[in-house]
Amino acid sequence: MTVQYPEKTIECMHISHLWCIFVKNSIMDLQTRKLKAIEYLVSIQDENAFKKIESTIVEVQKQQEVQRKVKPFTQEQLIERANQSTKDYLSGKFKTQEQLEKESENW
């Protein structure tokens, strides 16, 4: 498939076509790129290609959901964790690399 853009012609096939739309053609505004992507998705006839795109979208949505749930530590929380870690280390509450490796063999 040949994709025509202002000042560019790009040869693209299946998944790589979306790469061309979203990455290589940043000269277009977001709305235009979305419309081009929709046009491409509507024209797909290859079930396997569509499944790959679909699974990629689902994976990105899962990652975005995780990112929304994760909140960064505050400076106070980081300092408290560092202080607690120092106390644990000084009191012998830690595991060596070898202990962790042995423990992970049973996971």
N, C-alpha and C. Protein backbone atom coordinates (compact mmCIF):
# COMPACT_ATOMS: atom_id res chain seq x y z
N MET A 1 0.84 -1.17 0.00
CA MET A 1 0.00 0.00 0.00
C MET A 1 0.89 1.23 0.00
N THR A 2 0.56 2.19 -0.82
CA THR A 2 1.30 3.45 -0.87
C THR A 2 0.46 4.50 -0.18
N VAL A 3 1.09 5.25 0.71
CA VAL A 3 0.39 6.28 1.45
C VAL A 3 0.89 7.64 0.99
N GLN A 4 -0.02 8.50 0.58
CA GLN A 4 0.33 9.83 0.08
C GLN A 4 0.12 10.85 1.20
N TYR A 5 1.14 11.60 1.51
CA TYR A 5 1.07 12.68 2.49
C TYR A 5 1.71 13.90 1.86
N PRO A 6 1.40 15.06 2.37
CA PRO A 6 2.05 16.25 1.83
C PRO A 6 3.57 16.08 1.89
N GLU A 7 4.22 16.24 0.76
CA GLU A 7 5.68 16.18 0.65
C GLU A 7 6.26 14.79 0.89
N LYS A 8 5.43 13.73 1.02
CA LYS A 8 5.98 12.39 1.28
C LYS A 8 5.12 11.32 0.62
N THR A 9 5.76 10.28 0.13
CA THR A 9 5.09 9.06 -0.29
C THR A 9 5.80 7.93 0.43
N ILE A 10 5.04 7.09 1.12
CA ILE A 10 5.65 6.05 1.94
C ILE A 10 5.02 4.71 1.60
N GLU A 11 5.86 3.69 1.38
CA GLU A 11 5.38 2.34 1.15
C GLU A 11 5.15 1.68 2.51
N CYS A 12 3.95 1.16 2.75
CA CYS A 12 3.64 0.56 4.05
C CYS A 12 2.81 -0.70 3.85
N MET A 13 2.97 -1.66 4.76
CA MET A 13 2.17 -2.88 4.74
C MET A 13 1.68 -3.15 6.15
N HIS A 14 0.42 -3.47 6.32
CA HIS A 14 -0.20 -3.92 7.58
C HIS A 14 0.20 -3.07 8.78
N ILE A 15 0.79 -3.70 9.81
CA ILE A 15 1.11 -3.01 11.06
C ILE A 15 2.06 -1.84 10.80
N SER A 16 3.03 -2.03 9.91
CA SER A 16 3.98 -0.95 9.65
C SER A 16 3.28 0.29 9.10
N HIS A 17 2.11 0.10 8.52
CA HIS A 17 1.34 1.25 8.02
C HIS A 17 0.97 2.16 9.17
N LEU A 18 0.53 1.58 10.29
CA LEU A 18 0.20 2.40 11.44
C LEU A 18 1.44 3.13 11.95
N TRP A 19 2.58 2.47 11.90
CA TRP A 19 3.84 3.13 12.28
C TRP A 19 4.03 4.37 11.42
N CYS A 20 3.81 4.22 10.15
CA CYS A 20 3.97 5.36 9.24
C CYS A 20 3.02 6.49 9.61
N ILE A 21 1.80 6.12 9.93
CA ILE A 21 0.79 7.14 10.25
C ILE A 21 1.16 7.88 11.53
N PHE A 22 1.48 7.12 12.57
CA PHE A 22 1.64 7.73 13.89
C PHE A 22 3.03 8.30 14.16
N VAL A 23 4.06 7.78 13.55
CA VAL A 23 5.41 8.21 13.90
C VAL A 23 6.06 9.04 12.81
N LYS A 24 6.14 8.50 11.62
CA LYS A 24 6.90 9.14 10.56
C LYS A 24 6.24 10.39 10.03
N ASN A 25 4.96 10.57 10.26
CA ASN A 25 4.25 11.67 9.64
C ASN A 25 3.77 12.68 10.66
N SER A 26 4.65 13.09 11.51
CA SER A 26 4.29 14.05 12.54
C SER A 26 3.99 15.42 11.96
N ILE A 27 4.16 15.57 10.66
CA ILE A 27 3.83 16.85 10.03
C ILE A 27 2.33 17.09 10.03
N MET A 28 1.54 16.01 10.17
CA MET A 28 0.09 16.16 10.23
C MET A 28 -0.35 16.40 11.66
N ASP A 29 -1.44 17.10 11.83
CA ASP A 29 -1.96 17.30 13.17
C ASP A 29 -2.60 16.00 13.67
N LEU A 30 -2.82 15.92 14.95
CA LEU A 30 -3.33 14.71 15.58
C LEU A 30 -4.67 14.27 14.99
N GLN A 31 -5.56 15.21 14.77
CA GLN A 31 -6.89 14.87 14.25
C GLN A 31 -6.78 14.22 12.87
N THR A 32 -5.94 14.75 12.01
CA THR A 32 -5.76 14.17 10.67
C THR A 32 -5.17 12.78 10.76
N ARG A 33 -4.18 12.59 11.64
CA ARG A 33 -3.56 11.28 11.80
C ARG A 33 -4.57 10.26 12.32
N LYS A 34 -5.44 10.66 13.23
CA LYS A 34 -6.48 9.75 13.75
C LYS A 34 -7.41 9.33 12.61
N LEU A 35 -7.83 10.28 11.79
CA LEU A 35 -8.72 9.97 10.68
C LEU A 35 -8.07 9.03 9.68
N LYS A 36 -6.77 9.24 9.39
CA LYS A 36 -6.04 8.34 8.49
C LYS A 36 -5.98 6.94 9.09
N ALA A 37 -5.75 6.84 10.39
CA ALA A 37 -5.69 5.54 11.05
C ALA A 37 -7.04 4.84 10.97
N ILE A 38 -8.11 5.58 11.20
CA ILE A 38 -9.46 5.01 11.11
C ILE A 38 -9.73 4.52 9.70
N GLU A 39 -9.38 5.31 8.70
CA GLU A 39 -9.57 4.90 7.30
C GLU A 39 -8.83 3.60 7.03
N TYR A 40 -7.61 3.50 7.53
CA TYR A 40 -6.83 2.28 7.33
C TYR A 40 -7.48 1.09 8.02
N LEU A 41 -7.91 1.28 9.27
CA LEU A 41 -8.53 0.18 10.02
C LEU A 41 -9.79 -0.32 9.32
N VAL A 42 -10.58 0.60 8.81
CA VAL A 42 -11.81 0.22 8.11
C VAL A 42 -11.50 -0.59 6.86
N SER A 43 -10.37 -0.32 6.22
CA SER A 43 -10.05 -0.99 4.96
C SER A 43 -9.35 -2.34 5.14
N ILE A 44 -8.96 -2.70 6.35
CA ILE A 44 -8.23 -3.95 6.57
C ILE A 44 -9.11 -5.15 6.24
N GLN A 45 -8.59 -6.06 5.45
CA GLN A 45 -9.29 -7.29 5.10
C GLN A 45 -8.61 -8.51 5.72
N ASP A 46 -7.38 -8.36 6.15
CA ASP A 46 -6.59 -9.46 6.71
C ASP A 46 -6.91 -9.62 8.20
N GLU A 47 -7.54 -10.73 8.56
CA GLU A 47 -7.96 -10.99 9.93
C GLU A 47 -6.76 -11.01 10.88
N ASN A 48 -5.65 -11.62 10.46
CA ASN A 48 -4.47 -11.70 11.33
C ASN A 48 -3.89 -10.32 11.60
N ALA A 49 -3.84 -9.50 10.59
CA ALA A 49 -3.32 -8.14 10.77
C ALA A 49 -4.21 -7.37 11.73
N PHE A 50 -5.52 -7.52 11.58
CA PHE A 50 -6.45 -6.82 12.46
C PHE A 50 -6.32 -7.32 13.89
N LYS A 51 -6.15 -8.64 14.07
CA LYS A 51 -5.98 -9.19 15.42
C LYS A 51 -4.74 -8.62 16.10
N LYS A 52 -3.66 -8.46 15.33
CA LYS A 52 -2.43 -7.89 15.89
C LYS A 52 -2.66 -6.45 16.35
N ILE A 53 -3.33 -5.68 15.53
CA ILE A 53 -3.63 -4.29 15.88
C ILE A 53 -4.53 -4.25 17.11
N GLU A 54 -5.56 -5.10 17.10
CA GLU A 54 -6.51 -5.15 18.20
C GLU A 54 -5.82 -5.53 19.52
N SER A 55 -4.94 -6.52 19.47
CA SER A 55 -4.26 -6.94 20.70
C SER A 55 -3.30 -5.84 21.19
N THR A 56 -2.71 -5.11 20.27
CA THR A 56 -1.84 -4.00 20.66
C THR A 56 -2.65 -2.91 21.36
N ILE A 57 -3.82 -2.61 20.84
CA ILE A 57 -4.68 -1.60 21.45
C ILE A 57 -5.09 -2.04 22.85
N VAL A 58 -5.47 -3.30 23.01
CA VAL A 58 -5.87 -3.82 24.32
C VAL A 58 -4.71 -3.73 25.30
N GLU A 59 -3.52 -4.08 24.87
CA GLU A 59 -2.34 -4.01 25.74
C GLU A 59 -2.05 -2.58 26.16
N VAL A 60 -2.14 -1.64 25.24
CA VAL A 60 -1.91 -0.23 25.57
C VAL A 60 -2.96 0.25 26.57
N GLN A 61 -4.20 -0.16 26.39
CA GLN A 61 -5.26 0.24 27.33
C GLN A 61 -4.99 -0.33 28.73
N LYS A 62 -4.51 -1.56 28.80
CA LYS A 62 -4.17 -2.15 30.10
C LYS A 62 -3.05 -1.36 30.77
N GLN A 63 -2.02 -1.01 30.00
CA GLN A 63 -0.90 -0.25 30.55
C GLN A 63 -1.35 1.12 31.03
N GLN A 64 -2.23 1.75 30.29
CA GLN A 64 -2.74 3.06 30.69
C GLN A 64 -3.55 2.96 31.97
N GLU A 65 -4.31 1.89 32.12
CA GLU A 65 -5.09 1.69 33.34
C GLU A 65 -4.18 1.52 34.55
N VAL A 66 -3.11 0.75 34.38
CA VAL A 66 -2.15 0.57 35.46
C VAL A 66 -1.51 1.91 35.82
N GLN A 67 -1.13 2.67 34.82
CA GLN A 67 -0.50 3.97 35.06
C GLN A 67 -1.43 4.92 35.81
N ARG A 68 -2.73 4.85 35.53
CA ARG A 68 -3.69 5.71 36.23
C ARG A 68 -3.79 5.33 37.70
N LYS A 69 -3.60 4.04 38.01
CA LYS A 69 -3.72 3.57 39.39
C LYS A 69 -2.46 3.82 40.20
N VAL A 70 -1.31 3.93 39.54
CA VAL A 70 -0.04 4.11 40.23
C VAL A 70 0.15 5.59 40.55
N LYS A 71 0.40 5.86 41.83
CA LYS A 71 0.65 7.23 42.25
C LYS A 71 2.09 7.33 42.73
N PRO A 72 2.79 8.37 42.33
CA PRO A 72 4.19 8.52 42.77
C PRO A 72 4.26 8.79 44.27
N PHE A 73 5.37 8.38 44.87
CA PHE A 73 5.60 8.66 46.28
C PHE A 73 5.83 10.16 46.47
N THR A 74 5.42 10.65 47.63
CA THR A 74 5.76 12.02 47.99
C THR A 74 7.19 12.03 48.50
N GLN A 75 7.76 13.19 48.62
CA GLN A 75 9.12 13.30 49.14
C GLN A 75 9.18 12.74 50.57
N GLU A 76 8.16 13.03 51.37
CA GLU A 76 8.12 12.53 52.74
C GLU A 76 8.07 11.00 52.78
N GLN A 77 7.28 10.41 51.88
CA GLN A 77 7.19 8.95 51.83
C GLN A 77 8.53 8.33 51.44
N LEU A 78 9.22 8.93 50.50
CA LEU A 78 10.52 8.43 50.07
C LEU A 78 11.54 8.50 51.21
N ILE A 79 11.53 9.60 51.93
CA ILE A 79 12.46 9.74 53.05
C ILE A 79 12.15 8.72 54.13
N GLU A 80 10.87 8.52 54.43
CA GLU A 80 10.47 7.53 55.44
C GLU A 80 10.88 6.12 55.02
N ARG A 81 10.70 5.80 53.76
CA ARG A 81 11.10 4.47 53.27
C ARG A 81 12.61 4.28 53.36
N ALA A 82 13.36 5.32 53.02
CA ALA A 82 14.82 5.24 53.11
C ALA A 82 15.25 5.06 54.57
N ASN A 83 14.64 5.81 55.46
CA ASN A 83 14.96 5.67 56.89
C ASN A 83 14.63 4.28 57.40
N GLN A 84 13.48 3.74 57.01
CA GLN A 84 13.08 2.40 57.43
C GLN A 84 14.04 1.35 56.86
N SER A 85 14.45 1.53 55.63
CA SER A 85 15.41 0.60 55.02
C SER A 85 16.73 0.60 55.78
N THR A 86 17.20 1.76 56.16
CA THR A 86 18.45 1.86 56.93
C THR A 86 18.30 1.15 58.27
N LYS A 87 17.18 1.37 58.95
CA LYS A 87 16.93 0.70 60.24
C LYS A 87 16.90 -0.82 60.06
N ASP A 88 16.22 -1.27 59.02
CA ASP A 88 16.13 -2.72 58.76
C ASP A 88 17.52 -3.30 58.50
N TYR A 89 18.31 -2.61 57.71
CA TYR A 89 19.65 -3.11 57.40
C TYR A 89 20.51 -3.18 58.66
N LEU A 90 20.50 -2.12 59.46
CA LEU A 90 21.33 -2.08 60.67
C LEU A 90 20.90 -3.13 61.70
N SER A 91 19.61 -3.50 61.68
CA SER A 91 19.13 -4.51 62.63
C SER A 91 19.19 -5.92 62.05
N GLY A 92 19.75 -6.07 60.83
CA GLY A 92 19.91 -7.39 60.22
C GLY A 92 18.68 -7.91 59.51
N LYS A 93 17.70 -7.06 59.28
CA LYS A 93 16.47 -7.48 58.60
C LYS A 93 16.64 -7.28 57.08
N PHE A 94 17.40 -8.16 56.47
CA PHE A 94 17.60 -8.11 55.03
C PHE A 94 18.00 -9.50 54.55
N LYS A 95 17.95 -9.70 53.23
CA LYS A 95 18.35 -10.97 52.62
C LYS A 95 19.50 -10.70 51.67
N THR A 96 20.40 -11.64 51.59
CA THR A 96 21.51 -11.51 50.65
C THR A 96 21.04 -11.86 49.25
N GLN A 97 21.86 -11.54 48.27
CA GLN A 97 21.55 -11.89 46.88
C GLN A 97 21.38 -13.39 46.74
N GLU A 98 22.26 -14.15 47.37
CA GLU A 98 22.18 -15.62 47.30
C GLU A 98 20.87 -16.13 47.90
N GLN A 99 20.44 -15.56 49.01
CA GLN A 99 19.17 -15.98 49.63
C GLN A 99 17.99 -15.69 48.69
N LEU A 100 18.01 -14.54 48.07
CA LEU A 100 16.93 -14.18 47.15
C LEU A 100 16.91 -15.09 45.93
N GLU A 101 18.09 -15.42 45.40
CA GLU A 101 18.16 -16.31 44.25
C GLU A 101 17.62 -17.68 44.59
N LYS A 102 18.00 -18.21 45.78
CA LYS A 102 17.51 -19.50 46.19
C LYS A 102 15.99 -19.49 46.39
N GLU A 103 15.49 -18.44 47.00
CA GLU A 103 14.06 -18.28 47.22
C GLU A 103 13.30 -18.21 45.90
N SER A 104 13.87 -17.51 44.92
CA SER A 104 13.18 -17.34 43.64
C SER A 104 13.13 -18.61 42.81
N GLU A 105 13.95 -19.59 43.12
CA GLU A 105 13.90 -20.86 42.41
C GLU A 105 12.57 -21.58 42.62
N ASN A 106 11.87 -21.28 43.70
CA ASN A 106 10.60 -21.93 44.02
C ASN A 106 9.38 -21.15 43.55
N TRP A 107 9.59 -20.08 42.82
CA TRP A 107 8.46 -19.27 42.37
C TRP A 107 7.76 -19.93 41.21
